[in-house]
Amino acid sequence: MAAKKRKHEANTSQTPPTKRTIPGGVWVRFAILCALWLYMCGLLIATRQLSFWLLFVIIASGIIIFVPMYKKYIRNANRRT
């Protein structure tokens, strides 16, 4: 009977799994990439006349850059929890 009680206590005393965090290096990469992307967008807006085509290029480049990084680092890290 005591062995059953110890086994039950061992199973119930475990702490619940914590949500995994994104490593610090990934946040640094995001910050650097975001700063460079914003700088390039600023250069485009400063040197060209604002048009729908320019807005399309900025939005498309943001999708091309940030969606794969989101899928690789953030979504996959949240799935492992």
N, C-alpha and C. Protein backbone atom coordinates (compact mmCIF):
# COMPACT_ATOMS: atom_id res chain seq x y z
N MET A 1 0.82 -1.19 0.00
CA MET A 1 0.00 0.00 0.00
C MET A 1 0.87 1.26 0.00
N ALA A 2 1.95 1.24 0.73
CA ALA A 2 2.83 2.41 0.81
C ALA A 2 3.50 2.68 -0.53
N ALA A 3 3.82 1.60 -1.26
CA ALA A 3 4.45 1.78 -2.58
C ALA A 3 3.49 2.46 -3.54
N LYS A 4 2.22 2.10 -3.46
CA LYS A 4 1.22 2.75 -4.32
C LYS A 4 1.10 4.23 -3.99
N LYS A 5 1.12 4.53 -2.70
CA LYS A 5 0.99 5.91 -2.27
C LYS A 5 2.18 6.74 -2.76
N ARG A 6 3.41 6.18 -2.62
CA ARG A 6 4.59 6.91 -3.10
C ARG A 6 4.54 7.11 -4.61
N LYS A 7 4.08 6.09 -5.33
CA LYS A 7 3.98 6.20 -6.78
C LYS A 7 2.97 7.29 -7.17
N HIS A 8 1.83 7.32 -6.45
CA HIS A 8 0.81 8.33 -6.73
C HIS A 8 1.35 9.73 -6.42
N GLU A 9 2.06 9.87 -5.30
CA GLU A 9 2.63 11.17 -4.94
C GLU A 9 3.67 11.61 -5.97
N ALA A 10 4.45 10.68 -6.48
CA ALA A 10 5.47 11.02 -7.48
C ALA A 10 4.80 11.50 -8.76
N ASN A 11 3.67 10.90 -9.13
CA ASN A 11 2.97 11.30 -10.36
C ASN A 11 2.27 12.64 -10.20
N THR A 12 1.76 12.92 -9.02
CA THR A 12 0.99 14.15 -8.84
C THR A 12 1.86 15.32 -8.42
N SER A 13 3.07 15.07 -7.94
CA SER A 13 3.90 16.17 -7.47
C SER A 13 4.72 16.82 -8.58
N GLN A 14 4.62 16.30 -9.77
CA GLN A 14 5.39 16.88 -10.87
C GLN A 14 4.83 18.26 -11.21
N THR A 15 5.73 19.17 -11.51
CA THR A 15 5.28 20.50 -11.91
C THR A 15 4.78 20.45 -13.34
N PRO A 16 3.77 21.23 -13.65
CA PRO A 16 3.27 21.23 -15.03
C PRO A 16 4.34 21.77 -15.97
N PRO A 17 4.34 21.28 -17.20
CA PRO A 17 5.36 21.77 -18.14
C PRO A 17 5.19 23.26 -18.39
N THR A 18 6.30 23.97 -18.41
CA THR A 18 6.24 25.41 -18.64
C THR A 18 6.32 25.68 -20.14
N LYS A 19 5.81 26.82 -20.50
CA LYS A 19 5.86 27.21 -21.90
C LYS A 19 7.30 27.54 -22.28
N ARG A 20 7.77 26.98 -23.37
CA ARG A 20 9.14 27.23 -23.80
C ARG A 20 9.27 28.68 -24.25
N THR A 21 10.41 29.21 -23.97
CA THR A 21 10.66 30.59 -24.38
C THR A 21 11.55 30.59 -25.62
N ILE A 22 11.48 31.66 -26.34
CA ILE A 22 12.31 31.83 -27.52
C ILE A 22 13.72 32.22 -27.04
N PRO A 23 14.76 31.55 -27.54
CA PRO A 23 16.12 31.90 -27.11
C PRO A 23 16.46 33.36 -27.41
N GLY A 24 17.35 33.93 -26.60
CA GLY A 24 17.72 35.33 -26.75
C GLY A 24 18.34 35.65 -28.09
N GLY A 25 19.10 34.71 -28.64
CA GLY A 25 19.72 34.94 -29.95
C GLY A 25 18.71 35.14 -31.06
N VAL A 26 17.59 34.46 -30.94
CA VAL A 26 16.54 34.61 -31.96
C VAL A 26 15.94 36.00 -31.88
N TRP A 27 15.73 36.52 -30.67
CA TRP A 27 15.20 37.88 -30.54
C TRP A 27 16.17 38.91 -31.09
N VAL A 28 17.46 38.67 -30.90
CA VAL A 28 18.46 39.59 -31.44
C VAL A 28 18.41 39.57 -32.96
N ARG A 29 18.30 38.38 -33.55
CA ARG A 29 18.19 38.28 -35.01
C ARG A 29 16.96 39.01 -35.52
N PHE A 30 15.82 38.80 -34.84
CA PHE A 30 14.60 39.51 -35.23
C PHE A 30 14.80 41.02 -35.17
N ALA A 31 15.41 41.49 -34.10
CA ALA A 31 15.59 42.94 -33.93
C ALA A 31 16.50 43.52 -35.00
N ILE A 32 17.61 42.84 -35.29
CA ILE A 32 18.52 43.33 -36.32
C ILE A 32 17.85 43.31 -37.69
N LEU A 33 17.18 42.22 -38.01
CA LEU A 33 16.51 42.11 -39.30
C LEU A 33 15.39 43.15 -39.43
N CYS A 34 14.66 43.37 -38.36
CA CYS A 34 13.59 44.36 -38.38
C CYS A 34 14.16 45.76 -38.57
N ALA A 35 15.26 46.06 -37.89
CA ALA A 35 15.88 47.38 -38.03
C ALA A 35 16.37 47.60 -39.46
N LEU A 36 17.01 46.59 -40.03
CA LEU A 36 17.49 46.72 -41.42
C LEU A 36 16.32 46.87 -42.39
N TRP A 37 15.27 46.09 -42.17
CA TRP A 37 14.10 46.16 -43.06
C TRP A 37 13.44 47.54 -42.96
N LEU A 38 13.31 48.06 -41.74
CA LEU A 38 12.72 49.39 -41.58
C LEU A 38 13.60 50.47 -42.21
N TYR A 39 14.91 50.32 -42.09
CA TYR A 39 15.83 51.28 -42.71
C TYR A 39 15.68 51.26 -44.24
N MET A 40 15.62 50.07 -44.83
CA MET A 40 15.46 49.97 -46.28
C MET A 40 14.10 50.52 -46.72
N CYS A 41 13.06 50.26 -45.95
CA CYS A 41 11.75 50.83 -46.29
C CYS A 41 11.79 52.35 -46.19
N GLY A 42 12.48 52.87 -45.20
CA GLY A 42 12.61 54.32 -45.07
C GLY A 42 13.35 54.92 -46.25
N LEU A 43 14.40 54.23 -46.71
CA LEU A 43 15.11 54.71 -47.90
C LEU A 43 14.21 54.71 -49.13
N LEU A 44 13.42 53.67 -49.29
CA LEU A 44 12.50 53.61 -50.43
C LEU A 44 11.50 54.75 -50.39
N ILE A 45 10.92 54.96 -49.22
CA ILE A 45 9.90 56.00 -49.09
C ILE A 45 10.51 57.39 -49.27
N ALA A 46 11.75 57.57 -48.79
CA ALA A 46 12.39 58.88 -48.89
C ALA A 46 12.83 59.22 -50.31
N THR A 47 13.18 58.20 -51.10
CA THR A 47 13.73 58.48 -52.43
C THR A 47 12.70 58.36 -53.55
N ARG A 48 11.57 57.79 -53.27
CA ARG A 48 10.56 57.61 -54.32
C ARG A 48 9.23 58.22 -53.90
N GLN A 49 8.41 58.46 -54.90
CA GLN A 49 7.08 58.97 -54.62
C GLN A 49 6.23 57.81 -54.10
N LEU A 50 5.47 58.07 -53.04
CA LEU A 50 4.65 57.04 -52.44
C LEU A 50 3.52 56.65 -53.40
N SER A 51 3.43 55.38 -53.72
CA SER A 51 2.39 54.88 -54.62
C SER A 51 1.93 53.52 -54.12
N PHE A 52 0.89 53.02 -54.75
CA PHE A 52 0.40 51.70 -54.37
C PHE A 52 1.44 50.62 -54.69
N TRP A 53 2.18 50.78 -55.76
CA TRP A 53 3.21 49.81 -56.11
C TRP A 53 4.30 49.77 -55.05
N LEU A 54 4.71 50.91 -54.55
CA LEU A 54 5.72 50.97 -53.50
C LEU A 54 5.20 50.33 -52.22
N LEU A 55 3.96 50.60 -51.87
CA LEU A 55 3.37 49.96 -50.69
C LEU A 55 3.29 48.45 -50.87
N PHE A 56 2.95 47.99 -52.07
CA PHE A 56 2.91 46.56 -52.35
C PHE A 56 4.29 45.94 -52.17
N VAL A 57 5.32 46.60 -52.68
CA VAL A 57 6.68 46.08 -52.56
C VAL A 57 7.10 46.00 -51.09
N ILE A 58 6.77 47.00 -50.30
CA ILE A 58 7.12 47.00 -48.88
C ILE A 58 6.40 45.89 -48.14
N ILE A 59 5.11 45.74 -48.39
CA ILE A 59 4.33 44.70 -47.72
C ILE A 59 4.80 43.30 -48.15
N ALA A 60 5.03 43.12 -49.45
CA ALA A 60 5.49 41.82 -49.94
C ALA A 60 6.86 41.47 -49.37
N SER A 61 7.75 42.44 -49.28
CA SER A 61 9.07 42.14 -48.73
C SER A 61 8.97 41.79 -47.25
N GLY A 62 8.08 42.44 -46.53
CA GLY A 62 7.88 42.10 -45.12
C GLY A 62 7.37 40.68 -44.95
N ILE A 63 6.44 40.29 -45.81
CA ILE A 63 5.92 38.92 -45.75
C ILE A 63 7.02 37.91 -46.07
N ILE A 64 7.80 38.20 -47.11
CA ILE A 64 8.86 37.29 -47.52
C ILE A 64 9.92 37.15 -46.42
N ILE A 65 10.19 38.20 -45.68
CA ILE A 65 11.23 38.17 -44.66
C ILE A 65 10.73 37.59 -43.35
N PHE A 66 9.58 38.06 -42.86
CA PHE A 66 9.19 37.74 -41.49
C PHE A 66 8.34 36.48 -41.34
N VAL A 67 7.56 36.08 -42.31
CA VAL A 67 6.73 34.89 -42.16
C VAL A 67 7.57 33.62 -42.01
N PRO A 68 8.60 33.38 -42.83
CA PRO A 68 9.41 32.17 -42.61
C PRO A 68 10.11 32.17 -41.25
N MET A 69 10.57 33.32 -40.79
CA MET A 69 11.21 33.37 -39.48
C MET A 69 10.20 33.08 -38.38
N TYR A 70 8.98 33.59 -38.51
CA TYR A 70 7.93 33.30 -37.53
C TYR A 70 7.64 31.81 -37.49
N LYS A 71 7.51 31.21 -38.67
CA LYS A 71 7.20 29.79 -38.72
C LYS A 71 8.32 28.94 -38.13
N LYS A 72 9.56 29.31 -38.40
CA LYS A 72 10.68 28.51 -37.93
C LYS A 72 10.89 28.64 -36.43
N TYR A 73 10.85 29.84 -35.90
CA TYR A 73 11.24 30.03 -34.52
C TYR A 73 10.09 30.14 -33.53
N ILE A 74 9.08 30.90 -33.84
CA ILE A 74 8.03 31.16 -32.86
C ILE A 74 6.97 30.07 -32.87
N ARG A 75 6.42 29.75 -34.02
CA ARG A 75 5.37 28.74 -34.07
C ARG A 75 5.89 27.38 -33.66
N ASN A 76 7.05 26.98 -34.12
CA ASN A 76 7.61 25.69 -33.75
C ASN A 76 7.98 25.63 -32.28
N ALA A 77 8.44 26.72 -31.70
CA ALA A 77 8.77 26.74 -30.28
C ALA A 77 7.51 26.58 -29.44
N ASN A 78 6.41 27.17 -29.88
CA ASN A 78 5.15 27.04 -29.14
C ASN A 78 4.55 25.66 -29.28
N ARG A 79 4.83 24.95 -30.34
CA ARG A 79 4.30 23.59 -30.53
C ARG A 79 4.99 22.58 -29.62
N ARG A 80 6.23 22.83 -29.25
CA ARG A 80 7.00 21.89 -28.44
C ARG A 80 6.58 21.88 -26.99
N THR A 81 5.67 22.76 -26.58
CA THR A 81 5.30 22.82 -25.18
C THR A 81 4.40 21.69 -24.80
